């Protein structure tokens, strides 16, 4: 009896292994005629809600290009920073195009495409705050979005006297600066530019120092080589044909670096 049970367990395991080996999201997307892509809704100019309540931005336009290339319907799934990776791991989305930076911890959870967008992280703040390095933050408070690369990297750079005030999304982080709750925030350069554009007359956040140059990547579920190959080919082609550069100029007002 034990032998029969063991044989059944081994057979089930073998079937699961074959199923996993045969998994192919790219084929599934083409067969279903729909691709689900996670995009930000609170992180302009990568993604934000427009006046007509649609989501717009660099990541949205990139997602549209991918769906067009595949010839499938695009389903945009709005995400916050904290659920970009879980949505991918649990199959709620096929791709995450959401200003996603790469680090070793994330690379253990998901796979990353080649870089598709520029982005650097830094500490920004009021003109009157004299800060030019992590050491100058001693005793000060810095606002940051919880779980982001800047949160992780800033935590490594500062000593215990620095108060890192964490907010749940990027709107809350930028609002904390605009309202005077904090004099310093850690975020991306494009976020600070967008904040200044949308709030003329308000105090501008000046660059204090760079934390890390951190281009953006498209997140892909582990063990999807066909989908990865397609996405990397897409990125290469659209860098060369100028379409990604056109989107960059539309949203960031700058060209993509040639070495991206």
Protein backbone atom coordinates (compact mmCIF):
# COMPACT_ATOMS: atom_id res chain seq x y z
CA UNK A 1 0.00 0.00 0.00
CA UNK A 2 2.83 2.36 0.93
CA UNK A 3 4.48 1.56 -2.40
CA UNK A 4 1.31 2.48 -4.32
CA UNK A 5 0.98 5.80 -2.45
CA UNK A 6 4.64 6.59 -3.14
CA UNK A 7 4.20 5.85 -6.84
CA UNK A 8 1.17 8.15 -6.98
CA UNK A 9 3.09 10.97 -5.27
CA UNK A 10 5.99 10.56 -7.69
CA UNK A 11 3.61 10.57 -10.65
CA UNK A 12 1.94 13.78 -9.47
CA UNK A 13 5.35 15.37 -8.96
CA UNK A 14 6.38 14.39 -12.47
CA UNK A 15 3.21 15.88 -13.94
CA UNK A 16 3.77 19.13 -12.03
CA UNK A 17 7.37 19.26 -13.27
CA UNK A 18 6.24 18.80 -16.88
CA UNK A 19 3.58 21.46 -16.39
CA UNK A 20 6.14 23.93 -15.06
CA UNK A 21 8.54 23.13 -17.89
CA UNK A 22 5.80 23.72 -20.43
CA UNK A 23 4.65 27.02 -18.86
CA UNK A 24 4.99 29.79 -21.42
CA UNK A 25 3.41 33.14 -20.65
CA UNK A 26 4.21 34.57 -24.07
CA UNK A 27 2.24 31.78 -25.77
CA UNK A 28 -0.58 32.17 -23.24
CA UNK A 29 -0.79 35.92 -23.89
CA UNK A 30 -1.01 35.41 -27.64
CA UNK A 31 -3.61 32.67 -27.21
CA UNK A 32 -5.81 34.74 -24.86
CA UNK A 33 -5.40 37.93 -26.91
CA UNK A 34 -4.84 39.97 -23.72
CA UNK A 35 -1.76 41.17 -21.85
CA UNK A 36 -2.06 42.41 -18.27
CA UNK A 37 0.55 45.00 -17.37
CA UNK A 38 1.05 46.63 -13.97
CA UNK A 39 1.64 50.39 -14.20
CA UNK A 40 1.91 53.16 -11.59
CA UNK A 41 -0.96 55.54 -10.95
CA UNK A 42 0.76 57.87 -8.46
CA UNK A 43 4.24 58.31 -9.92
CA UNK A 44 4.20 60.92 -12.68
CA UNK A 45 5.60 61.13 -15.27
CA UNK A 46 5.89 57.31 -15.26
CA UNK A 47 2.19 56.94 -14.53
CA UNK A 48 -0.59 59.09 -13.07
CA UNK A 49 -4.33 59.62 -13.31
CA UNK A 50 -5.34 62.25 -15.89
CA UNK A 51 -8.34 64.59 -15.80
CA UNK A 52 -10.49 62.05 -17.63
CA UNK A 53 -9.50 59.43 -14.99
CA UNK A 54 -7.39 57.40 -17.41
CA UNK A 55 -3.80 56.49 -16.53
CA UNK A 56 -1.08 58.21 -18.54
CA UNK A 57 2.69 58.41 -18.56
CA UNK A 58 5.95 56.93 -19.82
CA UNK A 59 5.21 53.44 -18.50
CA UNK A 60 1.69 53.49 -19.92
CA UNK A 61 2.95 54.46 -23.38
CA UNK A 62 5.58 51.71 -23.18
CA UNK A 63 2.89 49.18 -22.24
CA UNK A 64 0.79 50.29 -25.21
CA UNK A 65 3.76 49.76 -27.55
CA UNK A 66 4.24 46.22 -26.24
CA UNK A 67 0.56 45.32 -26.66
CA UNK A 68 0.60 46.76 -30.19
CA UNK A 69 3.72 44.75 -31.07
CA UNK A 70 2.03 41.58 -29.81
CA UNK A 71 -1.27 42.42 -31.50
CA UNK A 72 -3.24 41.87 -28.29
CA UNK A 73 -5.58 43.87 -26.08
CA UNK A 74 -3.92 45.80 -23.24
CA UNK A 75 -5.29 45.59 -19.71
CA UNK A 76 -3.63 48.13 -17.43
CA UNK A 77 -3.48 47.16 -13.74
CA UNK A 78 -2.73 50.13 -11.44
CA UNK A 79 -0.24 49.30 -8.68
CA UNK A 80 1.46 50.99 -5.74
CA UNK A 81 5.16 50.51 -4.97
CA UNK A 82 4.50 47.76 -2.42
CA UNK A 83 2.51 45.43 -4.70
CA UNK A 84 4.45 45.68 -7.96
CA UNK A 85 6.34 42.43 -7.33
CA UNK A 86 3.59 40.43 -5.54
CA UNK A 87 1.18 41.04 -8.44
CA UNK A 88 3.76 39.58 -10.80
CA UNK A 89 4.56 36.59 -8.59
CA UNK A 90 0.90 35.68 -8.08
CA UNK A 91 0.00 35.94 -11.77
CA UNK A 92 -2.27 38.96 -11.49
CA UNK A 93 -0.16 40.59 -14.21
CA UNK A 94 2.12 39.37 -17.00
CA UNK A 95 4.55 42.28 -16.76
CA UNK A 96 5.36 45.05 -14.32
CA UNK A 97 6.23 48.33 -16.04
CA UNK A 98 6.24 50.60 -13.03
CA UNK A 99 9.48 52.58 -12.65
CA UNK A 100 11.00 49.39 -11.24
CA UNK A 101 14.60 49.51 -10.08
CA UNK A 102 16.80 46.42 -9.77
CA UNK A 103 18.58 45.12 -6.68
CA UNK A 104 19.78 41.67 -5.51
CA UNK A 105 16.79 41.13 -3.23
CA UNK A 106 14.28 41.81 -6.00
CA UNK A 107 16.31 39.75 -8.47
CA UNK A 108 15.79 36.71 -6.25
CA UNK A 109 12.03 37.19 -6.54
CA UNK A 110 11.55 38.14 -10.22
CA UNK A 111 13.53 38.57 -13.43
CA UNK A 112 14.39 41.89 -15.05
CA UNK A 113 14.57 42.98 -18.67
CA UNK A 114 17.19 45.30 -20.07
CA UNK A 115 16.84 48.93 -18.98
CA UNK A 116 14.07 50.84 -20.76
CA UNK A 117 13.99 54.22 -18.95
CA UNK A 118 16.27 56.67 -17.16
CA UNK A 119 15.96 57.35 -13.47
CA UNK A 120 18.25 58.40 -10.66
CA UNK A 121 17.56 58.67 -6.98
CA UNK A 122 18.70 61.36 -4.62
CA UNK A 123 17.94 63.45 -1.59
CA UNK A 124 16.20 66.71 -2.42
CA UNK A 125 15.17 69.52 -0.15
CA UNK A 126 14.58 73.14 0.67
CA UNK A 127 17.19 75.63 -0.45
CA UNK A 128 17.92 76.69 3.12
CA UNK A 129 18.77 73.16 4.31
CA UNK A 130 22.54 72.71 4.15
CA UNK A 131 23.01 69.10 3.08
CA UNK A 132 25.45 67.73 0.50
CA UNK A 133 26.18 64.20 1.73
CA UNK A 134 24.66 61.44 3.88
CA UNK A 135 26.79 62.61 6.82
CA UNK A 136 25.02 65.99 6.73
CA UNK A 137 21.68 64.30 7.48
CA UNK A 138 22.58 63.68 11.13
CA UNK A 139 19.67 64.66 13.35
CA UNK A 140 17.44 65.50 10.38
CA UNK A 141 14.19 64.00 9.05
CA UNK A 142 13.83 62.66 5.50
CA UNK A 143 10.52 61.66 3.89
CA UNK A 144 10.49 58.57 1.64
CA UNK A 145 8.02 56.15 0.05
CA UNK A 146 7.94 52.87 1.94
CA UNK A 147 9.59 49.86 0.28
CA UNK A 148 11.17 51.75 -2.62
CA UNK A 149 14.81 51.52 -3.69
CA UNK A 150 15.48 54.96 -2.21
CA UNK A 151 14.05 53.78 1.13
CA UNK A 152 16.32 50.72 1.13
CA UNK A 153 19.46 52.52 -0.04
CA UNK A 154 19.03 55.59 2.17
CA UNK A 155 18.62 53.32 5.20
CA UNK A 156 22.07 51.87 4.47
CA UNK A 157 23.73 55.29 4.20
CA UNK A 158 22.56 57.12 7.31
CA UNK A 159 23.23 56.72 11.00
CA UNK A 160 20.56 56.12 13.70
CA UNK A 161 20.17 59.84 14.44
CA UNK A 162 18.42 60.32 11.08
CA UNK A 163 14.63 60.00 11.15
CA UNK A 164 13.30 58.31 8.02
CA UNK A 165 9.62 59.16 7.76
CA UNK A 166 7.94 56.59 5.54
CA UNK A 167 4.80 57.26 3.51
CA UNK A 168 2.61 54.72 1.77
CA UNK A 169 2.77 56.20 -1.75
CA UNK A 170 4.63 58.82 -3.74
CA UNK A 171 1.84 61.39 -3.62
CA UNK A 172 2.02 61.36 0.16
CA UNK A 173 5.81 61.71 0.06
CA UNK A 174 5.80 64.74 -2.25
CA UNK A 175 2.84 66.26 -0.39
CA UNK A 176 4.81 66.01 2.85
CA UNK A 177 7.45 68.31 1.33
CA UNK A 178 5.00 70.73 -0.27
CA UNK A 179 3.06 71.09 2.99
CA UNK A 180 6.21 71.64 5.04
CA UNK A 181 5.91 68.42 7.07
CA UNK A 182 9.47 67.57 6.02
CA UNK A 183 12.26 69.69 4.57
CA UNK A 184 13.97 66.78 2.83
CA UNK A 185 12.72 63.89 0.72
CA UNK A 186 14.43 60.95 -0.95
CA UNK A 187 12.96 60.25 -4.38
CA UNK A 188 13.69 60.33 -8.12
CA UNK A 189 14.81 63.30 -10.15
CA UNK A 190 11.85 63.07 -12.50
CA UNK A 191 9.44 63.09 -9.56
CA UNK A 192 10.90 66.33 -8.27
CA UNK A 193 10.66 67.86 -11.76
CA UNK A 194 7.02 66.81 -12.04
CA UNK A 195 6.28 68.15 -8.58
CA UNK A 196 7.68 71.55 -9.56
CA UNK A 197 5.72 71.55 -12.83
CA UNK A 198 2.42 70.78 -11.13
CA UNK A 199 2.93 73.23 -8.27
CA UNK A 200 4.13 76.56 -9.71
CA UNK A 201 4.86 79.10 -7.02
CA UNK A 202 5.60 76.46 -4.40
CA UNK A 203 9.07 76.02 -2.99
CA UNK A 204 11.17 73.84 -5.30
CA UNK A 205 13.12 70.87 -3.97
CA UNK A 206 16.81 71.27 -4.77
CA UNK A 207 19.16 68.35 -5.37
CA UNK A 208 21.29 67.70 -2.28
CA UNK A 209 23.11 64.54 -3.36
CA UNK A 210 22.62 61.44 -5.52
CA UNK A 211 21.90 58.16 -3.79
CA UNK A 212 22.14 55.90 -6.82
CA UNK A 213 21.84 55.99 -10.59
CA UNK A 214 19.04 53.50 -11.03
CA UNK A 215 17.54 53.01 -14.51
CA UNK A 216 14.19 51.27 -14.80
CA UNK A 217 13.54 47.71 -15.88
CA UNK A 218 10.49 45.67 -16.85
CA UNK A 219 9.65 43.00 -14.28
CA UNK A 220 8.96 39.46 -15.52
CA UNK A 221 7.99 36.38 -13.55
CA UNK A 222 10.80 33.88 -12.95
CA UNK A 223 11.44 31.18 -15.55
CA UNK A 224 9.79 32.81 -18.57
CA UNK A 225 12.64 32.81 -21.14
CA UNK A 226 10.41 33.29 -24.20
CA UNK A 227 8.70 36.34 -22.72
CA UNK A 228 12.05 37.71 -21.56
CA UNK A 229 13.57 37.31 -25.04
CA UNK A 230 10.58 39.05 -26.61
CA UNK A 231 10.74 42.00 -24.19
CA UNK A 232 14.49 42.50 -24.56
CA UNK A 233 14.16 42.40 -28.35
CA UNK A 234 11.32 44.92 -28.10
CA UNK A 235 13.43 47.27 -25.97
CA UNK A 236 16.43 47.01 -28.31
CA UNK A 237 14.31 47.65 -31.42
CA UNK A 238 12.50 50.64 -29.90
CA UNK A 239 15.71 52.22 -28.69
CA UNK A 240 17.12 51.90 -32.20
CA UNK A 241 14.02 53.14 -34.03
CA UNK A 242 13.66 56.11 -31.68
CA UNK A 243 10.20 55.29 -30.30
CA UNK A 244 11.35 55.01 -26.68
CA UNK A 245 13.34 58.22 -27.10
CA UNK A 246 10.22 59.95 -28.40
CA UNK A 247 8.30 58.82 -25.30
CA UNK A 248 11.19 60.00 -23.09
CA UNK A 249 11.07 63.47 -24.62
CA UNK A 250 7.29 63.55 -24.27
CA UNK A 251 7.31 62.78 -20.53
CA UNK A 252 10.81 63.58 -19.21
CA UNK A 253 11.79 66.35 -21.66
CA UNK A 254 15.11 64.60 -22.26
CA UNK A 255 16.74 62.04 -24.56
CA UNK A 256 17.51 58.52 -23.44
CA UNK A 257 21.25 58.15 -22.82
CA UNK A 258 23.02 56.24 -25.59
CA UNK A 259 24.54 53.86 -23.01
CA UNK A 260 21.22 53.01 -21.34
